[in-house]
Amino acid sequence: MNRSICQFALFAAIALVLVGCASVSGTTLKIDAWNVEGRRHVPDELTYMLGELGYGWVPVVDPSSHLRVKTAQSDDEFRMRFEFLETRQVRIDVRIGRLDGVTWLHFHEPGSQTLSPSSIDLLNKLKARAALEFGAANISH
């Protein structure tokens, strides 16, 4: 009985991972802000930068309190989410390493496997703005 429960749990975990991988679309920008001069609190910098580009924050669930918050902290990273306010077609899921300053911006269209031409334009604007904010040498994708 116990063995079949473990096998079922393993199968369910694999299925969830495969479903999660199948629904991932878009692209991810990596920002290494560790050596950026004048670097402030990265969540605040991202909020300001993305706000100027027309994105607003979307609440995320804090794993400790289970409340919807602007910035959730789990393990050694912060998590945030932003959405393009004008059309709501694009989301940016953010992970910020607290120890190393590395930030990951996952740019995607919810429910789509590809990016539309208008989303690609938004992505290019994001890349250009991130290069201005953090330096082109600190941005990769």
Protein backbone atom coordinates (compact mmCIF):
# COMPACT_ATOMS: atom_id res chain seq x y z
CA MET A 1 0.00 0.00 0.00
CA ASN A 2 2.72 2.46 1.01
CA ARG A 3 4.75 1.64 -2.11
CA SER A 4 1.79 2.36 -4.41
CA ILE A 5 1.24 5.73 -2.70
CA CYS A 6 4.88 6.64 -3.28
CA GLN A 7 4.66 5.56 -6.92
CA PHE A 8 1.50 7.59 -7.40
CA ALA A 9 3.11 10.64 -5.76
CA LEU A 10 6.16 10.29 -8.01
CA PHE A 11 3.97 9.97 -11.11
CA ALA A 12 1.91 13.01 -10.07
CA ALA A 13 5.05 15.09 -9.46
CA ILE A 14 6.47 14.16 -12.87
CA ALA A 15 3.16 14.96 -14.55
CA LEU A 16 3.04 18.38 -12.89
CA VAL A 17 6.58 19.17 -13.98
CA LEU A 18 5.82 18.13 -17.55
CA VAL A 19 2.63 20.20 -17.65
CA GLY A 20 4.52 23.15 -16.19
CA CYS A 21 7.29 22.83 -18.76
CA ALA A 22 4.82 22.52 -21.60
CA SER A 23 3.09 25.77 -20.66
CA VAL A 24 6.27 27.83 -20.35
CA SER A 25 6.69 30.33 -23.16
CA GLY A 26 8.45 33.59 -23.73
CA THR A 27 12.01 34.43 -22.88
CA THR A 28 14.09 35.20 -19.83
CA LEU A 29 16.44 38.13 -19.30
CA LYS A 30 19.22 37.75 -16.78
CA ILE A 31 20.47 40.88 -15.04
CA ASP A 32 23.64 40.66 -13.00
CA ALA A 33 23.37 43.82 -10.93
CA TRP A 34 26.09 42.93 -8.42
CA ASN A 35 28.71 45.30 -9.83
CA VAL A 36 26.37 48.06 -11.02
CA GLU A 37 27.44 51.43 -9.61
CA GLY A 38 24.75 53.24 -7.66
CA ARG A 39 22.69 50.07 -7.33
CA ARG A 40 19.83 50.46 -4.91
CA HIS A 41 17.33 47.94 -3.63
CA VAL A 42 16.72 45.87 -6.78
CA PRO A 43 12.97 45.25 -6.20
CA ASP A 44 12.46 49.02 -5.96
CA GLU A 45 14.60 49.68 -9.05
CA LEU A 46 12.64 47.10 -11.05
CA THR A 47 9.31 48.48 -9.89
CA TYR A 48 10.34 51.97 -11.00
CA MET A 49 11.84 50.81 -14.32
CA LEU A 50 8.89 48.60 -15.24
CA GLY A 51 6.42 51.28 -14.14
CA GLU A 52 8.01 53.70 -16.62
CA LEU A 53 7.49 51.06 -19.34
CA GLY A 54 3.78 50.70 -18.51
CA TYR A 55 3.85 47.66 -16.23
CA GLY A 56 2.09 47.39 -12.90
CA TRP A 57 2.74 44.86 -10.20
CA VAL A 58 0.49 41.86 -9.73
CA PRO A 59 0.28 40.34 -6.25
CA VAL A 60 2.08 37.04 -5.63
CA VAL A 61 1.41 34.57 -2.83
CA ASP A 62 3.92 34.69 0.00
CA PRO A 63 4.89 31.10 0.87
CA SER A 64 5.20 31.88 4.59
CA SER A 65 2.04 33.86 5.27
CA HIS A 66 -0.02 32.65 2.27
CA LEU A 67 -1.06 36.27 1.76
CA ARG A 68 -1.00 38.11 -1.56
CA VAL A 69 1.92 40.54 -1.48
CA LYS A 70 3.96 42.72 -3.83
CA THR A 71 7.25 40.98 -3.05
CA ALA A 72 7.46 37.44 -1.70
CA GLN A 73 10.60 36.11 -0.11
CA SER A 74 11.40 32.42 -0.36
CA ASP A 75 14.72 30.75 0.31
CA ASP A 76 17.35 33.24 -0.82
CA GLU A 77 15.33 35.15 -3.39
CA PHE A 78 12.60 37.68 -3.85
CA ARG A 79 9.71 36.98 -6.26
CA MET A 80 7.57 39.59 -7.97
CA ARG A 81 5.18 39.74 -10.93
CA PHE A 82 4.30 42.56 -13.31
CA GLU A 83 1.75 42.92 -16.10
CA PHE A 84 1.60 45.31 -19.05
CA LEU A 85 -1.29 47.55 -17.98
CA GLU A 86 -2.45 48.81 -21.37
CA THR A 87 -3.36 45.45 -22.90
CA ARG A 88 -2.71 42.94 -20.10
CA GLN A 89 -1.16 40.68 -22.77
CA VAL A 90 2.27 40.30 -21.19
CA ARG A 91 3.53 39.30 -17.77
CA ILE A 92 6.98 39.44 -16.28
CA ASP A 93 7.76 36.99 -13.49
CA VAL A 94 10.74 38.22 -11.49
CA ARG A 95 13.21 36.30 -9.32
CA ILE A 96 15.90 38.30 -7.53
CA GLY A 97 18.77 36.54 -5.78
CA ARG A 98 19.29 38.22 -2.42
CA LEU A 99 22.87 37.03 -2.03
CA ASP A 100 24.30 37.46 -5.53
CA GLY A 101 22.10 40.23 -6.97
CA VAL A 102 21.25 38.17 -10.06
CA THR A 103 17.78 38.94 -11.36
CA TRP A 104 15.73 36.84 -13.77
CA LEU A 105 12.88 38.48 -15.72
CA HIS A 106 10.69 35.85 -17.38
CA PHE A 107 8.76 37.71 -20.09
CA HIS A 108 5.73 35.79 -21.42
CA GLU A 109 2.15 35.89 -22.68
CA PRO A 110 -0.05 33.91 -20.30
CA GLY A 111 -1.79 31.06 -22.09
CA SER A 112 0.37 31.30 -25.22
CA GLN A 113 3.36 29.27 -26.36
CA THR A 114 4.76 32.10 -28.49
CA LEU A 115 5.14 35.86 -28.39
CA SER A 116 2.99 38.00 -30.68
CA PRO A 117 4.65 40.76 -32.76
CA SER A 118 3.37 43.41 -30.33
CA SER A 119 4.82 41.44 -27.40
CA ILE A 120 8.15 41.18 -29.19
CA ASP A 121 8.12 44.99 -29.48
CA LEU A 122 7.48 45.24 -25.73
CA LEU A 123 10.31 42.78 -25.09
CA ASN A 124 12.72 44.85 -27.18
CA LYS A 125 11.75 47.98 -25.23
CA LEU A 126 12.34 46.08 -21.99
CA LYS A 127 15.79 44.95 -23.16
CA ALA A 128 16.76 48.48 -24.18
CA ARG A 129 15.55 49.98 -20.89
CA ALA A 130 17.26 47.27 -18.81
CA ALA A 131 20.52 47.96 -20.67
CA LEU A 132 20.21 51.67 -19.81
CA GLU A 133 19.38 50.95 -16.17
CA PHE A 134 21.90 48.20 -15.43
CA GLY A 135 24.42 48.41 -18.29
CA ALA A 136 24.38 46.32 -21.46
CA ALA A 137 27.28 44.17 -20.22
CA ASN A 138 25.15 43.06 -17.27
CA ILE A 139 22.19 41.86 -19.38
CA SER A 140 21.93 38.47 -21.08
CA HIS A 141 19.12 36.34 -22.48
